[in-house]
Amino acid sequence: MQEAFRQIGVIEPVHTAADGAEAIEYLKGNGQYADRNRFPFPNLLLLDLRMAKMNGFEFLRYIRTHSKLMVIPTIVFTSSEDMEDLKQAYVLGANSYLVKSNTFDGLCDQFKFVYGYWMRVRVPPMEPDGPI
């Protein structure tokens, strides 16, 4: 994923989390993520439905019930083509749902589209004041 973003010319840092619980810690700015210069508040979230410790639906439910997080554009980026997963993602507040390409070139095309729309057209949210 990192290489695909580099390939399409993304110069902004792309941060990843190993699982849903770590992603929440990042969003809260807890522990190692307290340094917002090193770990800035995200402008966009790409979310896999199949994560350890907290699946993508639980993660969506969490961020969409916290007013300071619900403004972050969140794209479900998953291998699931299941229509029930798609419906559930939208019900829980996903801004978009993309099925991952199985080729590197396809992945680059998807990231180019996502980046072009969400990072160039929309004004990204600012970091919220106070704790999450």
Protein backbone atom coordinates (compact mmCIF):
# COMPACT_ATOMS: atom_id res chain seq x y z
CA MET A 1 0.00 0.00 0.00
CA GLN A 2 2.79 2.41 0.90
CA GLU A 3 4.52 1.66 -2.41
CA ALA A 4 1.31 2.28 -4.37
CA PHE A 5 0.94 5.71 -2.77
CA ARG A 6 4.57 6.51 -3.60
CA GLN A 7 4.02 5.29 -7.17
CA ILE A 8 1.17 7.76 -7.73
CA GLY A 9 3.20 10.64 -6.31
CA VAL A 10 1.70 11.09 -2.85
CA ILE A 11 4.24 13.07 -0.85
CA GLU A 12 2.23 13.43 2.36
CA PRO A 13 2.97 10.80 5.00
CA VAL A 14 0.75 7.73 4.96
CA HIS A 15 0.42 6.16 8.39
CA THR A 16 -0.80 2.64 9.04
CA ALA A 17 -2.07 0.82 12.10
CA ALA A 18 -1.62 -2.90 12.74
CA ASP A 19 -5.19 -3.34 13.99
CA GLY A 20 -8.33 -1.46 14.96
CA ALA A 21 -7.28 -0.89 18.57
CA GLU A 22 -4.00 0.69 17.44
CA ALA A 23 -5.91 2.89 14.99
CA ILE A 24 -8.07 4.20 17.85
CA GLU A 25 -4.95 4.95 19.89
CA TYR A 26 -3.56 6.87 16.90
CA LEU A 27 -6.77 8.90 16.54
CA LYS A 28 -6.81 9.70 20.25
CA GLY A 29 -3.13 10.69 20.16
CA ASN A 30 -2.35 8.28 23.00
CA GLY A 31 1.02 6.80 23.92
CA GLN A 32 3.52 6.78 21.08
CA TYR A 33 1.03 8.77 18.94
CA ALA A 34 0.98 11.80 21.27
CA ASP A 35 3.46 13.67 19.06
CA ARG A 36 1.13 15.18 16.45
CA ASN A 37 4.07 16.52 14.46
CA ARG A 38 5.20 12.95 13.91
CA PHE A 39 1.71 11.42 13.88
CA PRO A 40 -0.66 14.11 12.55
CA PHE A 41 -4.42 13.92 12.81
CA PRO A 42 -5.60 12.14 9.64
CA ASN A 43 -7.31 13.85 6.72
CA LEU A 44 -8.63 10.53 5.43
CA LEU A 45 -9.04 6.96 6.67
CA LEU A 46 -8.77 3.85 4.52
CA LEU A 47 -10.38 1.05 6.46
CA ASP A 48 -10.20 -2.69 5.95
CA LEU A 49 -13.18 -4.62 7.31
CA ARG A 50 -11.01 -7.52 8.40
CA MET A 51 -8.75 -6.22 11.14
CA ALA A 52 -7.51 -7.81 14.33
CA LYS A 53 -8.79 -6.76 17.77
CA MET A 54 -11.58 -4.63 16.28
CA ASN A 55 -13.17 -5.32 12.91
CA GLY A 56 -13.95 -2.56 10.44
CA PHE A 57 -17.61 -2.38 11.41
CA GLU A 58 -16.72 -1.90 15.08
CA PHE A 59 -14.20 0.75 14.09
CA LEU A 60 -16.77 2.61 11.96
CA ARG A 61 -19.28 2.44 14.80
CA TYR A 62 -16.69 3.88 17.17
CA ILE A 63 -15.59 6.81 15.02
CA ARG A 64 -19.11 7.70 13.93
CA THR A 65 -20.25 7.96 17.56
CA HIS A 66 -17.49 10.42 18.49
CA SER A 67 -18.20 13.91 17.19
CA LYS A 68 -14.53 14.81 16.87
CA LEU A 69 -13.84 11.75 14.69
CA MET A 70 -17.01 11.54 12.63
CA VAL A 71 -15.82 14.32 10.33
CA ILE A 72 -12.90 12.27 8.97
CA PRO A 73 -13.72 10.94 5.50
CA THR A 74 -13.62 7.16 5.81
CA ILE A 75 -13.32 4.83 2.85
CA VAL A 76 -13.84 1.13 3.36
CA PHE A 77 -11.11 -0.50 1.30
CA THR A 78 -11.62 -4.23 1.47
CA SER A 79 -11.52 -7.50 -0.41
CA SER A 80 -15.16 -8.21 0.46
CA GLU A 81 -17.63 -8.06 -2.41
CA ASP A 82 -20.47 -9.14 -0.11
CA MET A 83 -23.48 -6.83 -0.56
CA GLU A 84 -24.35 -7.16 3.13
CA ASP A 85 -20.88 -5.86 4.06
CA LEU A 86 -21.37 -2.95 1.66
CA LYS A 87 -24.79 -2.10 3.10
CA GLN A 88 -23.56 -2.37 6.68
CA ALA A 89 -20.56 -0.13 5.95
CA TYR A 90 -22.83 2.60 4.58
CA VAL A 91 -25.31 2.23 7.44
CA LEU A 92 -22.42 2.76 9.86
CA GLY A 93 -21.28 5.91 8.08
CA ALA A 94 -18.66 4.96 5.51
CA ASN A 95 -18.18 7.67 2.90
CA SER A 96 -17.25 5.17 0.21
CA TYR A 97 -16.73 1.45 -0.32
CA LEU A 98 -14.05 0.10 -2.65
CA VAL A 99 -13.15 -3.51 -3.34
CA LYS A 100 -9.37 -3.85 -3.47
CA SER A 101 -7.85 -4.53 -6.84
CA ASN A 102 -5.85 -7.75 -7.06
CA THR A 103 -3.10 -6.11 -9.15
CA PHE A 104 -0.58 -3.45 -8.22
CA ASP A 105 -1.52 -1.28 -11.21
CA GLY A 106 -5.18 -1.56 -10.27
CA LEU A 107 -4.37 -0.62 -6.69
CA CYS A 108 -2.46 2.44 -7.95
CA ASP A 109 -5.47 3.44 -10.08
CA GLN A 110 -7.77 3.12 -7.06
CA PHE A 111 -5.47 5.20 -4.84
CA LYS A 112 -5.11 7.83 -7.55
CA PHE A 113 -8.89 8.14 -7.68
CA VAL A 114 -9.30 8.23 -3.89
CA TYR A 115 -6.44 10.68 -3.41
CA GLY A 116 -7.57 12.89 -6.26
CA TYR A 117 -11.06 13.23 -4.92
CA TRP A 118 -10.70 13.28 -1.14
CA MET A 119 -7.38 15.07 -0.80
CA ARG A 120 -7.57 17.55 -3.65
CA VAL A 121 -11.27 18.44 -3.86
CA ARG A 122 -12.36 18.40 -0.24
CA VAL A 123 -10.97 20.52 2.55
CA PRO A 124 -9.61 18.05 5.11
CA PRO A 125 -10.88 18.27 8.69
CA MET A 126 -8.77 20.00 11.27
CA GLU A 127 -7.57 18.28 14.41
CA PRO A 128 -10.23 18.60 17.11
CA ASP A 129 -9.62 20.72 20.17
CA GLY A 130 -9.36 18.71 23.34
CA PRO A 131 -9.36 14.97 23.98
CA ILE A 132 -11.35 12.48 21.96
